[in-house]
Amino acid sequence: MTRILFLLIALSIFSSRINAQDTYKVTADQLRVRASSDPKSKVIANISQNENLTVLDASNDKFYKIKLKNGEGWVSKDFVQKISAPTPQPNTTQTNPATQSSATAAPATDVIYRVTTDNLRVRQKADPKSKVIGYLPENENVAVIDSADASYFRIKVTNGEGWVSKEFLVRVSPVKAVQKPAVSVEVPAIDKDYSNIIFFAVVALVMGTILYFIFKYSNQNKILIGISAIIVLVVIYFCFITFIQPKTVNGTFVSDSETQYKTFDFNTNDSVIVKDTYTDSTFTAKYVIEGDMIKLYDQQNMILLLIRDENTLVGEGFTRGIFTKK
């Protein structure tokens, strides 16, 4: 009788201990696991978002003691959420394994982050000494596809992937990863700007008026009239090529710096062949010219190039650098 009573007491203690080990879910993107319940203690592990963990001790005001694969650790209570135990169903029917696996599989998601610094370096690997393959401007949104590294995010870039420092990204929102169909890119229409035409007309009118008065009051001085006419025509010509004549680019422009897009081959009036050194491939993009700015459109983003002169282009972002005509 005494043995039976002792066995019942031991079973009740063991069952209460099992119940105390509740399961929680991580709500932070990367949850630090520390060696003790001191916020300044050593970080011994990191747990990703939505992973489950077992709480061994919840008596501390700010930290939970949790079970790890190779021991125990402490995590902040602010970034975990208790998972309610499912209510057992007495009459459950056997589920097809294929249906069950498809029902429990979570859809793959990307998490969108915003860049908080200008010209954020994108590296080829999660290493501060790795090759820089591009730059991101401030307030640019990027999709993070891997956040397991302690210091770097793996992100999606044009036609590939790269790594950026976690210090300069802030989370925006999660979005579902959708496979985009291959569609032709439509270049947006450019609104007509008539201010340059009006300015040119005013300049031409002023120059014509000046030339008229020179003819009228020069006492038929042919030398003065000839010089004045040449000056007026030169001024009108330069105003025309500066404000009226549309800018064009042709030929191949190459950069000597380490940038993702190495060459731009302008063979037609509306498309350009781009060399991507990161993926060791080429692709064709549509482009338009607005003033001194070339805007290239592909299926993922827009690439900007500034026309410095007919032999030099200046790039920004992933095209950062000077491109000279070959």
C-alpha atoms as a PDB file:
ATOM      1  CA  MET A   1       0.000   0.000   0.000  1.00  0.00           C
ATOM      2  CA  THR A   2       2.850   2.384   0.893  1.00  0.00           C
ATOM      3  CA  ARG A   3       4.602   1.646  -2.418  1.00  0.00           C
ATOM      4  CA  ILE A   4       1.448   2.392  -4.389  1.00  0.00           C
ATOM      5  CA  LEU A   5       0.977   5.707  -2.538  1.00  0.00           C
ATOM      6  CA  PHE A   6       4.630   6.665  -3.177  1.00  0.00           C
ATOM      7  CA  LEU A   7       4.254   5.788  -6.860  1.00  0.00           C
ATOM      8  CA  LEU A   8       1.137   7.977  -7.177  1.00  0.00           C
ATOM      9  CA  ILE A   9       2.939  10.951  -5.557  1.00  0.00           C
ATOM     10  CA  ALA A  10       5.940  10.543  -7.892  1.00  0.00           C
ATOM     11  CA  LEU A  11       3.693  10.387 -10.948  1.00  0.00           C
ATOM     12  CA  SER A  12       1.838  13.541  -9.894  1.00  0.00           C
ATOM     13  CA  ILE A  13       5.135  15.444  -9.413  1.00  0.00           C
ATOM     14  CA  PHE A  14       6.448  14.249 -12.774  1.00  0.00           C
ATOM     15  CA  SER A  15       3.231  15.189 -14.588  1.00  0.00           C
ATOM     16  CA  SER A  16       3.209  18.663 -12.997  1.00  0.00           C
ATOM     17  CA  ARG A  17       6.800  19.163 -14.131  1.00  0.00           C
ATOM     18  CA  ILE A  18       5.855  18.184 -17.667  1.00  0.00           C
ATOM     19  CA  ASN A  19       2.958  20.646 -17.652  1.00  0.00           C
ATOM     20  CA  ALA A  20       5.328  23.396 -16.503  1.00  0.00           C
ATOM     21  CA  GLN A  21       7.378  22.972 -19.660  1.00  0.00           C
ATOM     22  CA  ASP A  22       5.051  25.006 -21.872  1.00  0.00           C
ATOM     23  CA  THR A  23       5.678  25.647 -25.551  1.00  0.00           C
ATOM     24  CA  TYR A  24       6.129  29.210 -26.811  1.00  0.00           C
ATOM     25  CA  LYS A  25       6.565  30.811 -30.252  1.00  0.00           C
ATOM     26  CA  VAL A  26       9.212  33.421 -31.128  1.00  0.00           C
ATOM     27  CA  THR A  27       7.715  36.740 -32.333  1.00  0.00           C
ATOM     28  CA  ALA A  28      10.959  38.643 -33.006  1.00  0.00           C
ATOM     29  CA  ASP A  29      12.932  38.352 -36.233  1.00  0.00           C
ATOM     30  CA  GLN A  30      16.034  37.112 -34.376  1.00  0.00           C
ATOM     31  CA  LEU A  31      15.700  36.259 -30.666  1.00  0.00           C
ATOM     32  CA  ARG A  32      18.941  36.300 -28.667  1.00  0.00           C
ATOM     33  CA  VAL A  33      19.500  33.461 -26.185  1.00  0.00           C
ATOM     34  CA  ARG A  34      21.722  34.476 -23.254  1.00  0.00           C
ATOM     35  CA  ALA A  35      23.758  32.437 -20.802  1.00  0.00           C
ATOM     36  CA  SER A  36      21.882  33.824 -17.776  1.00  0.00           C
ATOM     37  CA  SER A  37      18.917  36.036 -16.899  1.00  0.00           C
ATOM     38  CA  ASP A  38      21.165  39.097 -17.039  1.00  0.00           C
ATOM     39  CA  PRO A  39      20.521  41.315 -20.113  1.00  0.00           C
ATOM     40  CA  LYS A  40      24.295  41.905 -20.351  1.00  0.00           C
ATOM     41  CA  SER A  41      25.243  38.233 -20.259  1.00  0.00           C
ATOM     42  CA  LYS A  42      26.822  36.450 -23.236  1.00  0.00           C
ATOM     43  CA  VAL A  43      24.648  35.636 -26.258  1.00  0.00           C
ATOM     44  CA  ILE A  44      24.962  31.885 -26.812  1.00  0.00           C
ATOM     45  CA  ALA A  45      22.456  31.361 -29.641  1.00  0.00           C
ATOM     46  CA  ASN A  46      19.861  33.001 -31.912  1.00  0.00           C
ATOM     47  CA  ILE A  47      16.359  31.708 -32.646  1.00  0.00           C
ATOM     48  CA  SER A  48      14.492  32.692 -35.805  1.00  0.00           C
ATOM     49  CA  GLN A  49      10.977  34.067 -35.961  1.00  0.00           C
ATOM     50  CA  ASN A  50       8.018  31.643 -35.528  1.00  0.00           C
ATOM     51  CA  GLU A  51      10.237  28.859 -34.152  1.00  0.00           C
ATOM     52  CA  ASN A  52       8.872  26.958 -31.148  1.00  0.00           C
ATOM     53  CA  LEU A  53      10.758  26.709 -27.876  1.00  0.00           C
ATOM     54  CA  THR A  54      10.164  24.937 -24.561  1.00  0.00           C
ATOM     55  CA  VAL A  55      10.095  27.049 -21.376  1.00  0.00           C
ATOM     56  CA  LEU A  56      11.609  25.371 -18.324  1.00  0.00           C
ATOM     57  CA  ASP A  57      11.295  28.213 -15.827  1.00  0.00           C
ATOM     58  CA  ALA A  58       8.985  31.259 -15.932  1.00  0.00           C
ATOM     59  CA  SER A  59       9.574  32.588 -12.402  1.00  0.00           C
ATOM     60  CA  ASN A  60      11.850  35.476 -13.517  1.00  0.00           C
ATOM     61  CA  ASP A  61      10.091  38.806 -14.169  1.00  0.00           C
ATOM     62  CA  LYS A  62      11.753  39.500 -17.520  1.00  0.00           C
ATOM     63  CA  PHE A  63      13.291  36.257 -18.783  1.00  0.00           C
ATOM     64  CA  TYR A  64      12.245  32.686 -19.533  1.00  0.00           C
ATOM     65  CA  LYS A  65      14.604  29.771 -19.027  1.00  0.00           C
ATOM     66  CA  ILE A  66      14.348  27.615 -22.175  1.00  0.00           C
ATOM     67  CA  LYS A  67      15.620  24.282 -23.446  1.00  0.00           C
ATOM     68  CA  LEU A  68      18.259  24.227 -26.183  1.00  0.00           C
ATOM     69  CA  LYS A  69      19.623  21.309 -28.182  1.00  0.00           C
ATOM     70  CA  ASN A  70      22.850  21.301 -26.208  1.00  0.00           C
ATOM     71  CA  GLY A  71      21.778  22.795 -22.908  1.00  0.00           C
ATOM     72  CA  GLU A  72      19.700  25.662 -21.569  1.00  0.00           C
ATOM     73  CA  GLY A  73      19.493  29.446 -21.969  1.00  0.00           C
ATOM     74  CA  TRP A  74      17.490  32.565 -21.144  1.00  0.00           C
ATOM     75  CA  VAL A  75      15.334  34.713 -23.473  1.00  0.00           C
ATOM     76  CA  SER A  76      13.343  37.917 -22.988  1.00  0.00           C
ATOM     77  CA  LYS A  77       9.639  37.494 -22.259  1.00  0.00           C
ATOM     78  CA  ASP A  78       8.846  40.429 -24.563  1.00  0.00           C
ATOM     79  CA  PHE A  79       9.555  38.471 -27.753  1.00  0.00           C
ATOM     80  CA  VAL A  80       7.841  35.111 -27.151  1.00  0.00           C
ATOM     81  CA  GLN A  81       4.187  34.145 -27.152  1.00  0.00           C
ATOM     82  CA  LYS A  82       2.619  31.127 -25.497  1.00  0.00           C
ATOM     83  CA  ILE A  83       1.063  28.544 -27.818  1.00  0.00           C
ATOM     84  CA  SER A  84      -2.283  27.190 -26.674  1.00  0.00           C
ATOM     85  CA  ALA A  85      -2.331  23.412 -26.422  1.00  0.00           C
ATOM     86  CA  PRO A  86      -4.711  21.869 -28.986  1.00  0.00           C
ATOM     87  CA  THR A  87      -7.894  20.292 -27.609  1.00  0.00           C
ATOM     88  CA  PRO A  88      -7.843  16.508 -28.232  1.00  0.00           C
ATOM     89  CA  GLN A  89     -10.600  15.242 -30.518  1.00  0.00           C
ATOM     90  CA  PRO A  90     -12.012  11.856 -29.475  1.00  0.00           C
ATOM     91  CA  ASN A  91     -13.132  10.641 -32.917  1.00  0.00           C
ATOM     92  CA  THR A  92     -10.452  11.670 -35.387  1.00  0.00           C
ATOM     93  CA  THR A  93     -10.364  10.207 -38.840  1.00  0.00           C
ATOM     94  CA  GLN A  94      -7.098   9.160 -40.388  1.00  0.00           C
ATOM     95  CA  THR A  95      -5.779  11.811 -42.759  1.00  0.00           C
ATOM     96  CA  ASN A  96      -4.035  11.170 -46.014  1.00  0.00           C
ATOM     97  CA  PRO A  97      -0.323  11.922 -45.426  1.00  0.00           C
ATOM     98  CA  ALA A  98      -0.032  13.855 -48.692  1.00  0.00           C
ATOM     99  CA  THR A  99      -3.023  16.041 -47.775  1.00  0.00           C
ATOM    100  CA  GLN A 100      -1.707  16.550 -44.245  1.00  0.00           C
ATOM    101  CA  SER A 101       1.737  17.652 -45.403  1.00  0.00           C
ATOM    102  CA  SER A 102       0.289  20.092 -47.930  1.00  0.00           C
ATOM    103  CA  ALA A 103      -2.080  21.518 -45.335  1.00  0.00           C
ATOM    104  CA  THR A 104       0.646  22.139 -42.761  1.00  0.00           C
ATOM    105  CA  ALA A 105       3.240  23.496 -45.160  1.00  0.00           C
ATOM    106  CA  ALA A 106       3.511  27.234 -44.702  1.00  0.00           C
ATOM    107  CA  PRO A 107       3.795  29.402 -47.815  1.00  0.00           C
ATOM    108  CA  ALA A 108       7.224  30.844 -48.437  1.00  0.00           C
ATOM    109  CA  THR A 109       7.399  34.537 -47.590  1.00  0.00           C
ATOM    110  CA  ASP A 110       9.848  37.358 -48.105  1.00  0.00           C
ATOM    111  CA  VAL A 111      10.178  40.130 -45.538  1.00  0.00           C
ATOM    112  CA  ILE A 112      10.462  43.680 -46.805  1.00  0.00           C
ATOM    113  CA  TYR A 113      13.016  46.013 -45.191  1.00  0.00           C
ATOM    114  CA  ARG A 114      13.835  49.689 -45.811  1.00  0.00           C
ATOM    115  CA  VAL A 115      17.380  51.050 -46.186  1.00  0.00           C
ATOM    116  CA  THR A 116      18.231  53.674 -43.521  1.00  0.00           C
ATOM    117  CA  THR A 117      21.533  54.945 -44.940  1.00  0.00           C
ATOM    118  CA  ASP A 118      22.658  56.253 -48.307  1.00  0.00           C
ATOM    119  CA  ASN A 119      24.798  54.080 -50.609  1.00  0.00           C
ATOM    120  CA  LEU A 120      24.485  50.874 -48.563  1.00  0.00           C
ATOM    121  CA  ARG A 121      27.088  48.392 -49.821  1.00  0.00           C
ATOM    122  CA  VAL A 122      25.780  45.070 -51.162  1.00  0.00           C
ATOM    123  CA  ARG A 123      28.424  42.358 -50.866  1.00  0.00           C
ATOM    124  CA  GLN A 124      28.829  39.016 -52.602  1.00  0.00           C
ATOM    125  CA  LYS A 125      29.110  37.121 -49.281  1.00  0.00           C
ATOM    126  CA  ALA A 126      28.277  37.677 -45.591  1.00  0.00           C
ATOM    127  CA  ASP A 127      31.805  38.954 -44.974  1.00  0.00           C
ATOM    128  CA  PRO A 128      32.906  42.594 -44.445  1.00  0.00           C
ATOM    129  CA  LYS A 129      35.906  41.891 -46.720  1.00  0.00           C
ATOM    130  CA  SER A 130      33.787  40.366 -49.485  1.00  0.00           C
ATOM    131  CA  LYS A 131      33.531  41.999 -52.915  1.00  0.00           C
ATOM    132  CA  VAL A 132      31.081  44.927 -53.208  1.00  0.00           C
ATOM    133  CA  ILE A 133      28.653  44.156 -56.039  1.00  0.00           C
ATOM    134  CA  GLY A 134      26.401  47.206 -55.748  1.00  0.00           C
ATOM    135  CA  TYR A 135      24.927  49.998 -53.649  1.00  0.00           C
ATOM    136  CA  LEU A 136      21.431  50.732 -52.321  1.00  0.00           C
ATOM    137  CA  PRO A 137      20.079  54.292 -51.952  1.00  0.00           C
ATOM    138  CA  GLU A 138      18.417  55.485 -48.740  1.00  0.00           C
ATOM    139  CA  ASN A 139      14.709  54.567 -48.274  1.00  0.00           C
ATOM    140  CA  GLU A 140      14.969  51.775 -50.893  1.00  0.00           C
ATOM    141  CA  ASN A 141      12.794  48.722 -50.069  1.00  0.00           C
ATOM    142  CA  VAL A 142      14.453  45.300 -50.338  1.00  0.00           C
ATOM    143  CA  ALA A 143      13.255  41.717 -49.845  1.00  0.00           C
ATOM    144  CA  VAL A 144      15.183  39.765 -47.187  1.00  0.00           C
ATOM    145  CA  ILE A 145      15.328  36.059 -47.981  1.00  0.00           C
ATOM    146  CA  ASP A 146      17.714  34.908 -45.222  1.00  0.00           C
ATOM    147  CA  SER A 147      18.222  36.453 -41.771  1.00  0.00           C
ATOM    148  CA  ALA A 148      20.056  33.590 -40.031  1.00  0.00           C
ATOM    149  CA  ASP A 149      23.455  35.330 -40.046  1.00  0.00           C
ATOM    150  CA  ALA A 150      24.219  37.398 -36.935  1.00  0.00           C
ATOM    151  CA  SER A 151      25.402  40.491 -38.832  1.00  0.00           C
ATOM    152  CA  TYR A 152      24.129  40.258 -42.423  1.00  0.00           C
ATOM    153  CA  PHE A 153      20.858  39.846 -44.329  1.00  0.00           C
ATOM    154  CA  ARG A 154      20.747  37.982 -47.627  1.00  0.00           C
ATOM    155  CA  ILE A 155      18.596  40.071 -49.967  1.00  0.00           C
ATOM    156  CA  LYS A 156      17.210  39.943 -53.474  1.00  0.00           C
ATOM    157  CA  VAL A 157      18.873  42.223 -55.983  1.00  0.00           C
ATOM    158  CA  THR A 158      18.394  42.607 -59.708  1.00  0.00           C
ATOM    159  CA  ASN A 159      18.989  39.228 -61.361  1.00  0.00           C
ATOM    160  CA  GLY A 160      20.573  37.724 -58.242  1.00  0.00           C
ATOM    161  CA  GLU A 161      21.226  37.942 -54.503  1.00  0.00           C
ATOM    162  CA  GLY A 162      23.587  39.774 -52.165  1.00  0.00           C
ATOM    163  CA  TRP A 163      24.396  40.473 -48.511  1.00  0.00           C
ATOM    164  CA  VAL A 164      23.963  43.727 -46.549  1.00  0.00           C
ATOM    165  CA  SER A 165      24.647  44.742 -42.956  1.00  0.00           C
ATOM    166  CA  LYS A 166      21.695  44.375 -40.570  1.00  0.00           C
ATOM    167  CA  GLU A 167      22.549  47.708 -38.923  1.00  0.00           C
ATOM    168  CA  PHE A 168      21.204  49.724 -41.857  1.00  0.00           C
ATOM    169  CA  LEU A 169      17.871  47.979 -42.524  1.00  0.00           C
ATOM    170  CA  VAL A 170      14.560  48.418 -40.718  1.00  0.00           C
ATOM    171  CA  ARG A 171      11.668  46.022 -41.172  1.00  0.00           C
ATOM    172  CA  VAL A 172       8.603  47.230 -43.082  1.00  0.00           C
ATOM    173  CA  SER A 173       6.238  44.266 -43.560  1.00  0.00           C
ATOM    174  CA  PRO A 174       6.163  40.621 -44.673  1.00  0.00           C
ATOM    175  CA  VAL A 175       4.837  39.826 -48.142  1.00  0.00           C
ATOM    176  CA  LYS A 176       4.089  36.586 -49.929  1.00  0.00           C
ATOM    177  CA  ALA A 177       6.705  35.489 -52.400  1.00  0.00           C
ATOM    178  CA  VAL A 178       4.982  35.424 -55.778  1.00  0.00           C
ATOM    179  CA  GLN A 179       6.612  34.064 -58.897  1.00  0.00           C
ATOM    180  CA  LYS A 180       6.260  36.829 -61.475  1.00  0.00           C
ATOM    181  CA  PRO A 181       5.447  35.718 -65.010  1.00  0.00           C
ATOM    182  CA  ALA A 182       7.790  36.793 -67.754  1.00  0.00           C
ATOM    183  CA  VAL A 183       6.068  39.793 -69.312  1.00  0.00           C
ATOM    184  CA  SER A 184       7.250  42.528 -71.593  1.00  0.00           C
ATOM    185  CA  VAL A 185       8.127  45.757 -69.822  1.00  0.00           C
ATOM    186  CA  GLU A 186       6.085  48.806 -70.737  1.00  0.00           C
ATOM    187  CA  VAL A 187       7.975  52.084 -70.599  1.00  0.00           C
ATOM    188  CA  PRO A 188       5.769  54.803 -69.071  1.00  0.00           C
ATOM    189  CA  ALA A 189       4.824  57.680 -71.327  1.00  0.00           C
ATOM    190  CA  ILE A 190       6.742  60.911 -70.781  1.00  0.00           C
ATOM    191  CA  ASP A 191       4.708  64.063 -70.239  1.00  0.00           C
ATOM    192  CA  LYS A 192       5.529  66.744 -72.780  1.00  0.00           C
ATOM    193  CA  ASP A 193       7.351  69.728 -71.323  1.00  0.00           C
ATOM    194  CA  TYR A 194       6.963  72.851 -73.447  1.00  0.00           C
ATOM    195  CA  SER A 195       8.975  75.184 -71.208  1.00  0.00           C
ATOM    196  CA  ASN A 196      12.161  74.671 -73.257  1.00  0.00           C
ATOM    197  CA  ILE A 197      10.335  75.441 -76.492  1.00  0.00           C
ATOM    198  CA  ILE A 198       8.897  78.633 -75.002  1.00  0.00           C
ATOM    199  CA  PHE A 199      12.346  79.662 -73.733  1.00  0.00           C
ATOM    200  CA  PHE A 200      13.902  79.025 -77.165  1.00  0.00           C
ATOM    201  CA  ALA A 201      11.165  81.063 -78.870  1.00  0.00           C
ATOM    202  CA  VAL A 202      11.770  83.986 -76.490  1.00  0.00           C
ATOM    203  CA  VAL A 203      15.547  83.849 -77.105  1.00  0.00           C
ATOM    204  CA  ALA A 204      15.028  83.704 -80.878  1.00  0.00           C
ATOM    205  CA  LEU A 205      12.642  86.658 -80.712  1.00  0.00           C
ATOM    206  CA  VAL A 206      15.100  88.720 -78.645  1.00  0.00           C
ATOM    207  CA  MET A 207      17.999  87.881 -80.982  1.00  0.00           C
ATOM    208  CA  GLY A 208      15.881  88.706 -84.021  1.00  0.00           C
ATOM    209  CA  THR A 209      14.909  92.055 -82.506  1.00  0.00           C
ATOM    210  CA  ILE A 210      18.562  92.890 -81.760  1.00  0.00           C
ATOM    211  CA  LEU A 211      19.550  91.953 -85.322  1.00  0.00           C
ATOM    212  CA  TYR A 212      16.745  94.131 -86.701  1.00  0.00           C
ATOM    213  CA  PHE A 213      17.915  97.221 -84.801  1.00  0.00           C
ATOM    214  CA  ILE A 214      21.522  96.576 -85.868  1.00  0.00           C
ATOM    215  CA  PHE A 215      20.403  96.504 -89.532  1.00  0.00           C
ATOM    216  CA  LYS A 216      18.370  99.652 -89.020  1.00  0.00           C
ATOM    217  CA  TYR A 217      20.914 101.829 -87.182  1.00  0.00           C
ATOM    218  CA  SER A 218      24.261 100.505 -88.435  1.00  0.00           C
ATOM    219  CA  ASN A 219      24.317 102.895 -91.424  1.00  0.00           C
ATOM    220  CA  GLN A 220      24.762  99.914 -93.744  1.00  0.00           C
ATOM    221  CA  ASN A 221      28.034  98.906 -92.071  1.00  0.00           C
ATOM    222  CA  LYS A 222      28.474  95.455 -93.636  1.00  0.00           C
ATOM    223  CA  ILE A 223      31.203  94.327 -91.213  1.00  0.00           C
ATOM    224  CA  LEU A 224      29.086  95.152 -88.143  1.00  0.00           C
ATOM    225  CA  ILE A 225      26.012  93.574 -89.709  1.00  0.00           C
ATOM    226  CA  GLY A 226      27.944  90.399 -90.600  1.00  0.00           C
ATOM    227  CA  ILE A 227      29.505  89.979 -87.147  1.00  0.00           C
ATOM    228  CA  SER A 228      26.146  90.632 -85.454  1.00  0.00           C
ATOM    229  CA  ALA A 229      24.382  88.110 -87.685  1.00  0.00           C
ATOM    230  CA  ILE A 230      27.004  85.430 -86.927  1.00  0.00           C
ATOM    231  CA  ILE A 231      26.730  86.052 -83.164  1.00  0.00           C
ATOM    232  CA  VAL A 232      22.911  85.874 -83.260  1.00  0.00           C
ATOM    233  CA  LEU A 233      22.931  82.663 -85.310  1.00  0.00           C
ATOM    234  CA  VAL A 234      25.507  81.016 -82.993  1.00  0.00           C
ATOM    235  CA  VAL A 235      23.430  81.916 -79.908  1.00  0.00           C
ATOM    236  CA  ILE A 236      20.255  80.554 -81.509  1.00  0.00           C
ATOM    237  CA  TYR A 237      22.065  77.365 -82.587  1.00  0.00           C
ATOM    238  CA  PHE A 238      23.436  76.613 -79.114  1.00  0.00           C
ATOM    239  CA  CYS A 239      20.029  77.300 -77.564  1.00  0.00           C
ATOM    240  CA  PHE A 240      18.495  74.870 -80.053  1.00  0.00           C
ATOM    241  CA  ILE A 241      20.885  71.977 -79.370  1.00  0.00           C
ATOM    242  CA  THR A 242      20.699  72.621 -75.598  1.00  0.00           C
ATOM    243  CA  PHE A 243      16.954  73.041 -75.093  1.00  0.00           C
ATOM    244  CA  ILE A 244      15.175  71.700 -78.186  1.00  0.00           C
ATOM    245  CA  GLN A 245      17.165  68.924 -79.816  1.00  0.00           C
ATOM    246  CA  PRO A 246      16.535  65.599 -77.981  1.00  0.00           C
ATOM    247  CA  LYS A 247      19.620  63.932 -76.493  1.00  0.00           C
ATOM    248  CA  THR A 248      20.695  60.580 -77.873  1.00  0.00           C
ATOM    249  CA  VAL A 249      23.236  57.959 -76.819  1.00  0.00           C
ATOM    250  CA  ASN A 250      24.891  55.303 -78.951  1.00  0.00           C
ATOM    251  CA  GLY A 251      27.747  52.865 -78.670  1.00  0.00           C
ATOM    252  CA  THR A 252      29.111  50.842 -75.751  1.00  0.00           C
ATOM    253  CA  PHE A 253      29.850  52.416 -72.356  1.00  0.00           C
ATOM    254  CA  VAL A 254      32.113  50.530 -69.923  1.00  0.00           C
ATOM    255  CA  SER A 255      32.973  51.102 -66.232  1.00  0.00           C
ATOM    256  CA  ASP A 256      36.388  50.363 -64.732  1.00  0.00           C
ATOM    257  CA  SER A 257      35.036  50.221 -61.150  1.00  0.00           C
ATOM    258  CA  GLU A 258      33.599  47.219 -59.275  1.00  0.00           C
ATOM    259  CA  THR A 259      29.911  47.531 -60.051  1.00  0.00           C
ATOM    260  CA  GLN A 260      27.173  45.026 -60.786  1.00  0.00           C
ATOM    261  CA  TYR A 261      26.375  46.421 -64.233  1.00  0.00           C
ATOM    262  CA  LYS A 262      29.643  46.625 -66.154  1.00  0.00           C
ATOM    263  CA  THR A 263      28.656  47.628 -69.698  1.00  0.00           C
ATOM    264  CA  PHE A 264      25.751  49.302 -71.476  1.00  0.00           C
ATOM    265  CA  ASP A 265      25.498  48.709 -75.214  1.00  0.00           C
ATOM    266  CA  PHE A 266      23.103  51.233 -76.831  1.00  0.00           C
ATOM    267  CA  ASN A 267      22.362  49.714 -80.245  1.00  0.00           C
ATOM    268  CA  THR A 268      18.833  51.027 -80.863  1.00  0.00           C
ATOM    269  CA  ASN A 269      16.798  54.111 -80.025  1.00  0.00           C
ATOM    270  CA  ASP A 270      14.786  52.442 -77.236  1.00  0.00           C
ATOM    271  CA  SER A 271      16.692  49.377 -75.934  1.00  0.00           C
ATOM    272  CA  VAL A 272      20.099  48.653 -74.424  1.00  0.00           C
ATOM    273  CA  ILE A 273      22.045  45.441 -73.722  1.00  0.00           C
ATOM    274  CA  VAL A 274      23.330  45.360 -70.122  1.00  0.00           C
ATOM    275  CA  LYS A 275      26.199  43.177 -68.833  1.00  0.00           C
ATOM    276  CA  ASP A 276      25.559  41.874 -65.287  1.00  0.00           C
ATOM    277  CA  THR A 277      28.871  40.820 -63.700  1.00  0.00           C
ATOM    278  CA  TYR A 278      27.184  39.360 -60.604  1.00  0.00           C
ATOM    279  CA  THR A 279      25.336  36.672 -62.574  1.00  0.00           C
ATOM    280  CA  ASP A 280      27.793  36.700 -65.503  1.00  0.00           C
ATOM    281  CA  SER A 281      24.930  37.290 -67.941  1.00  0.00           C
ATOM    282  CA  THR A 282      23.388  39.942 -70.188  1.00  0.00           C
ATOM    283  CA  PHE A 283      19.837  41.219 -70.497  1.00  0.00           C
ATOM    284  CA  THR A 284      18.012  43.741 -72.671  1.00  0.00           C
ATOM    285  CA  ALA A 285      16.195  46.702 -71.109  1.00  0.00           C
ATOM    286  CA  LYS A 286      14.011  49.444 -72.530  1.00  0.00           C
ATOM    287  CA  TYR A 287      15.055  53.038 -71.867  1.00  0.00           C
ATOM    288  CA  VAL A 288      13.921  56.626 -72.243  1.00  0.00           C
ATOM    289  CA  ILE A 289      15.842  59.901 -71.942  1.00  0.00           C
ATOM    290  CA  GLU A 290      14.412  62.721 -69.824  1.00  0.00           C
ATOM    291  CA  GLY A 291      16.643  65.785 -70.012  1.00  0.00           C
ATOM    292  CA  ASP A 292      20.117  64.569 -68.985  1.00  0.00           C
ATOM    293  CA  MET A 293      18.807  61.398 -67.312  1.00  0.00           C
ATOM    294  CA  ILE A 294      18.581  57.942 -68.913  1.00  0.00           C
ATOM    295  CA  LYS A 295      15.969  55.664 -67.304  1.00  0.00           C
ATOM    296  CA  LEU A 296      16.335  51.933 -68.014  1.00  0.00           C
ATOM    297  CA  TYR A 297      13.392  49.642 -67.288  1.00  0.00           C
ATOM    298  CA  ASP A 298      13.611  45.888 -66.772  1.00  0.00           C
ATOM    299  CA  GLN A 299      11.181  43.466 -65.097  1.00  0.00           C
ATOM    300  CA  GLN A 300      12.404  44.190 -61.566  1.00  0.00           C
ATOM    301  CA  ASN A 301      13.456  47.824 -61.211  1.00  0.00           C
ATOM    302  CA  MET A 302      14.630  51.020 -62.852  1.00  0.00           C
ATOM    303  CA  ILE A 303      18.285  51.849 -63.537  1.00  0.00           C
ATOM    304  CA  LEU A 304      19.397  55.504 -63.712  1.00  0.00           C
ATOM    305  CA  LEU A 305      22.293  56.959 -65.726  1.00  0.00           C
ATOM    306  CA  LEU A 306      23.237  60.636 -65.993  1.00  0.00           C
ATOM    307  CA  ILE A 307      24.537  61.940 -69.336  1.00  0.00           C
ATOM    308  CA  ARG A 308      27.639  64.012 -68.547  1.00  0.00           C
ATOM    309  CA  ASP A 309      28.634  64.336 -72.211  1.00  0.00           C
ATOM    310  CA  GLU A 310      28.449  62.250 -75.387  1.00  0.00           C
ATOM    311  CA  ASN A 311      31.325  60.031 -74.196  1.00  0.00           C
ATOM    312  CA  THR A 312      30.607  59.808 -70.437  1.00  0.00           C
ATOM    313  CA  LEU A 313      27.724  58.467 -68.335  1.00  0.00           C
ATOM    314  CA  VAL A 314      27.444  58.579 -64.542  1.00  0.00           C
ATOM    315  CA  GLY A 315      25.619  55.797 -62.666  1.00  0.00           C
ATOM    316  CA  GLU A 316      23.923  55.663 -59.253  1.00  0.00           C
ATOM    317  CA  GLY A 317      22.900  52.779 -56.939  1.00  0.00           C
ATOM    318  CA  PHE A 318      23.787  49.407 -58.503  1.00  0.00           C
ATOM    319  CA  THR A 319      25.255  51.285 -61.484  1.00  0.00           C
ATOM    320  CA  ARG A 320      27.424  53.530 -59.317  1.00  0.00           C
ATOM    321  CA  GLY A 321      30.524  54.674 -61.215  1.00  0.00           C
ATOM    322  CA  ILE A 322      31.762  56.414 -64.360  1.00  0.00           C
ATOM    323  CA  PHE A 323      31.042  54.805 -67.757  1.00  0.00           C
ATOM    324  CA  THR A 324      33.148  55.873 -70.723  1.00  0.00           C
ATOM    325  CA  LYS A 325      32.431  55.219 -74.386  1.00  0.00           C
ATOM    326  CA  LYS A 326      34.647  52.629 -76.090  1.00  0.00           C
END
